[in-house]
């Protein structure tokens, strides 16, 4: 499962890692839980996700999908920030 930004990152990596593949799925549920479960079901080797760059307080109260994935995934996770988020 790839976000739009994550999909762009993957496309940039393909020339360096021709064995990279991916699927697009639409599944209902809690995003972090669903992403981790689908990665497990599909025997994924890597999860690539994006982040909105929320601060610690916002992330604590609102939750963070990328934070959930980092702590619950059974495979490596690559979290990508949008270039505009680095200015915050």
N, C-alpha and C. Protein backbone atom coordinates (compact mmCIF):
# COMPACT_ATOMS: atom_id res chain seq x y z
N UNK A 1 0.85 -1.16 0.00
CA UNK A 1 0.00 0.00 0.00
C UNK A 1 0.89 1.22 0.00
N UNK A 2 0.68 2.11 -0.94
CA UNK A 2 1.54 3.27 -1.08
C UNK A 2 0.72 4.54 -1.12
N UNK A 3 1.17 5.58 -0.42
CA UNK A 3 0.57 6.89 -0.57
C UNK A 3 1.10 7.49 -1.87
N UNK A 4 0.53 8.61 -2.28
CA UNK A 4 0.99 9.23 -3.54
C UNK A 4 2.47 9.61 -3.44
N UNK A 5 2.88 10.20 -2.33
CA UNK A 5 4.28 10.60 -2.17
C UNK A 5 5.18 9.37 -2.09
N UNK A 6 4.73 8.36 -1.38
CA UNK A 6 5.51 7.13 -1.26
C UNK A 6 5.67 6.45 -2.61
N UNK A 7 4.61 6.49 -3.41
CA UNK A 7 4.68 5.90 -4.75
C UNK A 7 5.72 6.62 -5.59
N UNK A 8 5.79 7.94 -5.46
CA UNK A 8 6.79 8.71 -6.21
C UNK A 8 8.20 8.32 -5.78
N UNK A 9 8.40 8.14 -4.48
CA UNK A 9 9.70 7.71 -3.97
C UNK A 9 10.07 6.36 -4.55
N UNK A 10 9.11 5.44 -4.55
CA UNK A 10 9.37 4.10 -5.09
C UNK A 10 9.76 4.18 -6.57
N UNK A 11 9.07 5.01 -7.34
CA UNK A 11 9.39 5.14 -8.76
C UNK A 11 10.82 5.64 -8.96
N UNK A 12 11.27 6.52 -8.08
CA UNK A 12 12.65 7.01 -8.17
C UNK A 12 13.67 5.95 -7.79
N UNK A 13 13.28 4.98 -6.96
CA UNK A 13 14.20 3.93 -6.53
C UNK A 13 14.31 2.78 -7.52
N UNK A 14 13.31 2.61 -8.36
CA UNK A 14 13.26 1.45 -9.26
C UNK A 14 14.52 1.28 -10.11
N UNK A 15 15.09 2.36 -10.70
CA UNK A 15 16.31 2.14 -11.49
C UNK A 15 17.46 1.54 -10.68
N UNK A 16 17.49 1.80 -9.38
CA UNK A 16 18.56 1.30 -8.53
C UNK A 16 18.26 -0.09 -7.99
N UNK A 17 16.98 -0.42 -7.89
CA UNK A 17 16.54 -1.71 -7.35
C UNK A 17 15.46 -2.28 -8.26
N UNK A 18 15.85 -2.88 -9.38
CA UNK A 18 14.85 -3.34 -10.36
C UNK A 18 13.89 -4.40 -9.82
N UNK A 19 14.23 -5.05 -8.71
CA UNK A 19 13.36 -6.08 -8.16
C UNK A 19 12.21 -5.50 -7.34
N UNK A 20 12.17 -4.16 -7.14
CA UNK A 20 11.10 -3.54 -6.35
C UNK A 20 9.79 -3.63 -7.11
N UNK A 21 8.77 -4.02 -6.41
CA UNK A 21 7.43 -4.06 -6.98
C UNK A 21 6.46 -3.48 -5.97
N UNK A 22 5.21 -3.43 -6.31
CA UNK A 22 4.23 -2.91 -5.37
C UNK A 22 2.83 -3.20 -5.85
N UNK A 23 1.88 -3.02 -4.97
CA UNK A 23 0.46 -3.20 -5.27
C UNK A 23 -0.30 -2.03 -4.69
N UNK A 24 -1.43 -1.75 -5.28
CA UNK A 24 -2.32 -0.72 -4.76
C UNK A 24 -3.60 -1.42 -4.32
N UNK A 25 -4.00 -1.21 -3.07
CA UNK A 25 -5.21 -1.83 -2.54
C UNK A 25 -6.04 -0.77 -1.84
N UNK A 26 -7.32 -0.99 -1.81
CA UNK A 26 -8.24 -0.12 -1.07
C UNK A 26 -8.97 -0.99 -0.06
N UNK A 27 -8.65 -0.80 1.23
CA UNK A 27 -9.22 -1.63 2.29
C UNK A 27 -9.66 -0.71 3.42
N UNK A 28 -10.82 -0.96 3.96
CA UNK A 28 -11.32 -0.15 5.07
C UNK A 28 -10.74 -0.59 6.39
N UNK A 29 -10.69 0.34 7.34
CA UNK A 29 -10.20 0.03 8.67
C UNK A 29 -9.25 1.11 9.16
N UNK A 30 -8.65 0.86 10.30
CA UNK A 30 -7.67 1.78 10.86
C UNK A 30 -6.42 1.72 9.97
N UNK A 31 -5.99 2.86 9.41
CA UNK A 31 -4.90 2.83 8.42
C UNK A 31 -3.64 2.10 8.88
N UNK A 32 -3.13 2.41 10.05
CA UNK A 32 -1.90 1.77 10.52
C UNK A 32 -2.05 0.26 10.66
N UNK A 33 -3.16 -0.16 11.27
CA UNK A 33 -3.41 -1.58 11.45
C UNK A 33 -3.53 -2.30 10.11
N UNK A 34 -4.27 -1.68 9.18
CA UNK A 34 -4.50 -2.31 7.87
C UNK A 34 -3.19 -2.41 7.10
N UNK A 35 -2.39 -1.36 7.11
CA UNK A 35 -1.12 -1.39 6.39
C UNK A 35 -0.21 -2.49 6.93
N UNK A 36 -0.12 -2.59 8.25
CA UNK A 36 0.72 -3.64 8.85
C UNK A 36 0.19 -5.04 8.52
N UNK A 37 -1.12 -5.21 8.56
CA UNK A 37 -1.71 -6.52 8.27
C UNK A 37 -1.52 -6.91 6.81
N UNK A 38 -1.74 -5.96 5.89
CA UNK A 38 -1.57 -6.25 4.46
C UNK A 38 -0.10 -6.57 4.17
N UNK A 39 0.81 -5.83 4.79
CA UNK A 39 2.24 -6.11 4.59
C UNK A 39 2.56 -7.53 5.02
N UNK A 40 1.97 -7.95 6.13
CA UNK A 40 2.19 -9.31 6.62
C UNK A 40 1.56 -10.34 5.67
N UNK A 41 0.31 -10.09 5.27
CA UNK A 41 -0.40 -11.02 4.36
C UNK A 41 0.30 -11.16 3.01
N UNK A 42 0.88 -10.07 2.53
CA UNK A 42 1.53 -10.07 1.21
C UNK A 42 3.01 -10.43 1.28
N UNK A 43 3.50 -10.73 2.49
CA UNK A 43 4.92 -11.02 2.68
C UNK A 43 5.81 -9.90 2.13
N UNK A 44 5.42 -8.67 2.44
CA UNK A 44 6.17 -7.50 1.98
C UNK A 44 7.56 -7.50 2.60
N UNK A 45 8.52 -6.98 1.87
CA UNK A 45 9.88 -6.86 2.38
C UNK A 45 10.13 -5.48 2.97
N UNK A 46 9.28 -4.51 2.65
CA UNK A 46 9.48 -3.13 3.07
C UNK A 46 8.15 -2.39 2.99
N UNK A 47 7.91 -1.50 3.94
CA UNK A 47 6.75 -0.60 3.89
C UNK A 47 7.30 0.80 3.68
N UNK A 48 6.81 1.49 2.66
CA UNK A 48 7.18 2.88 2.39
C UNK A 48 5.95 3.72 2.67
N UNK A 49 6.10 4.72 3.55
CA UNK A 49 4.97 5.57 3.91
C UNK A 49 5.43 7.02 4.00
N UNK A 50 4.50 7.91 3.99
CA UNK A 50 4.81 9.34 4.11
C UNK A 50 4.46 9.83 5.50
N UNK A 51 4.82 11.08 5.77
CA UNK A 51 4.47 11.71 7.02
C UNK A 51 4.11 13.16 6.77
N UNK A 52 3.22 13.67 7.59
CA UNK A 52 2.81 15.07 7.45
C UNK A 52 3.67 15.99 8.29
N UNK A 53 4.55 15.44 9.08
CA UNK A 53 5.45 16.25 9.87
C UNK A 53 4.78 16.96 11.04
N UNK A 54 3.80 16.30 11.67
CA UNK A 54 3.15 16.90 12.83
C UNK A 54 4.14 16.99 13.99
N UNK A 55 3.93 17.94 14.87
CA UNK A 55 4.77 18.05 16.05
C UNK A 55 4.44 16.97 17.06
N UNK A 56 5.24 16.89 18.11
CA UNK A 56 5.07 15.84 19.11
C UNK A 56 3.71 15.92 19.81
N UNK A 57 3.27 17.12 20.12
CA UNK A 57 2.00 17.27 20.84
C UNK A 57 0.83 16.87 19.95
N UNK A 58 0.81 17.34 18.71
CA UNK A 58 -0.27 16.96 17.78
C UNK A 58 -0.29 15.46 17.56
N UNK A 59 0.89 14.89 17.35
CA UNK A 59 0.99 13.45 17.09
C UNK A 59 0.49 12.66 18.29
N UNK A 60 0.75 13.15 19.50
CA UNK A 60 0.31 12.47 20.71
C UNK A 60 -1.21 12.45 20.80
N UNK A 61 -1.85 13.57 20.50
CA UNK A 61 -3.30 13.66 20.63
C UNK A 61 -4.05 13.12 19.41
N UNK A 62 -3.53 13.35 18.23
CA UNK A 62 -4.23 12.94 17.01
C UNK A 62 -3.80 11.56 16.52
N UNK A 63 -2.64 11.12 16.95
CA UNK A 63 -2.12 9.85 16.45
C UNK A 63 -1.40 10.05 15.14
N UNK A 64 -0.58 9.11 14.78
CA UNK A 64 0.19 9.19 13.55
C UNK A 64 0.24 7.80 12.93
N UNK A 65 -0.19 7.72 11.68
CA UNK A 65 -0.17 6.44 10.98
C UNK A 65 1.26 5.95 10.83
N UNK A 66 2.17 6.84 10.43
CA UNK A 66 3.56 6.41 10.24
C UNK A 66 4.18 5.97 11.56
N UNK A 67 3.84 6.64 12.66
CA UNK A 67 4.34 6.25 13.98
C UNK A 67 3.82 4.86 14.36
N UNK A 68 2.54 4.61 14.10
CA UNK A 68 1.96 3.30 14.39
C UNK A 68 2.69 2.22 13.58
N UNK A 69 2.89 2.49 12.29
CA UNK A 69 3.53 1.50 11.43
C UNK A 69 4.96 1.21 11.91
N UNK A 70 5.69 2.27 12.27
CA UNK A 70 7.06 2.08 12.76
C UNK A 70 7.12 1.16 13.97
N UNK A 71 6.13 1.25 14.85
CA UNK A 71 6.15 0.48 16.08
C UNK A 71 5.48 -0.90 15.99
N UNK A 72 4.71 -1.15 14.93
CA UNK A 72 3.97 -2.41 14.84
C UNK A 72 4.30 -3.28 13.63
N UNK A 73 5.01 -2.74 12.66
CA UNK A 73 5.31 -3.52 11.45
C UNK A 73 6.35 -4.60 11.74
N UNK A 74 6.22 -5.70 11.03
CA UNK A 74 7.17 -6.81 11.19
C UNK A 74 8.28 -6.75 10.15
N UNK A 75 8.28 -5.70 9.31
CA UNK A 75 9.30 -5.52 8.27
C UNK A 75 9.86 -4.10 8.39
N UNK A 76 10.99 -3.83 7.75
CA UNK A 76 11.54 -2.47 7.77
C UNK A 76 10.54 -1.45 7.20
N UNK A 77 10.62 -0.23 7.72
CA UNK A 77 9.72 0.85 7.31
C UNK A 77 10.56 2.05 6.88
N UNK A 78 10.25 2.60 5.71
CA UNK A 78 10.88 3.81 5.21
C UNK A 78 9.84 4.92 5.28
N UNK A 79 10.09 5.95 6.10
CA UNK A 79 9.16 7.07 6.24
C UNK A 79 9.73 8.25 5.46
N UNK A 80 8.95 8.76 4.52
CA UNK A 80 9.38 9.85 3.65
C UNK A 80 8.66 11.13 4.00
N UNK A 81 9.41 12.20 4.13
CA UNK A 81 8.82 13.51 4.38
C UNK A 81 8.72 14.25 3.06
N UNK A 82 7.69 15.07 2.93
CA UNK A 82 7.56 15.95 1.78
C UNK A 82 8.60 17.05 1.92
N UNK A 83 9.16 17.52 0.83
CA UNK A 83 10.25 18.51 0.90
C UNK A 83 9.83 19.76 1.66
N UNK A 84 8.56 20.15 1.61
CA UNK A 84 8.09 21.35 2.31
C UNK A 84 8.05 21.15 3.82
N UNK A 85 7.96 19.91 4.30
CA UNK A 85 7.92 19.63 5.73
C UNK A 85 9.25 19.88 6.40
N UNK A 86 10.34 19.90 5.67
CA UNK A 86 11.66 20.10 6.27
C UNK A 86 11.85 21.54 6.75
N UNK A 87 11.02 22.46 6.26
CA UNK A 87 11.15 23.87 6.63
C UNK A 87 10.53 24.18 7.97
N UNK A 88 9.73 23.25 8.51
CA UNK A 88 9.01 23.50 9.76
C UNK A 88 9.91 23.38 10.95
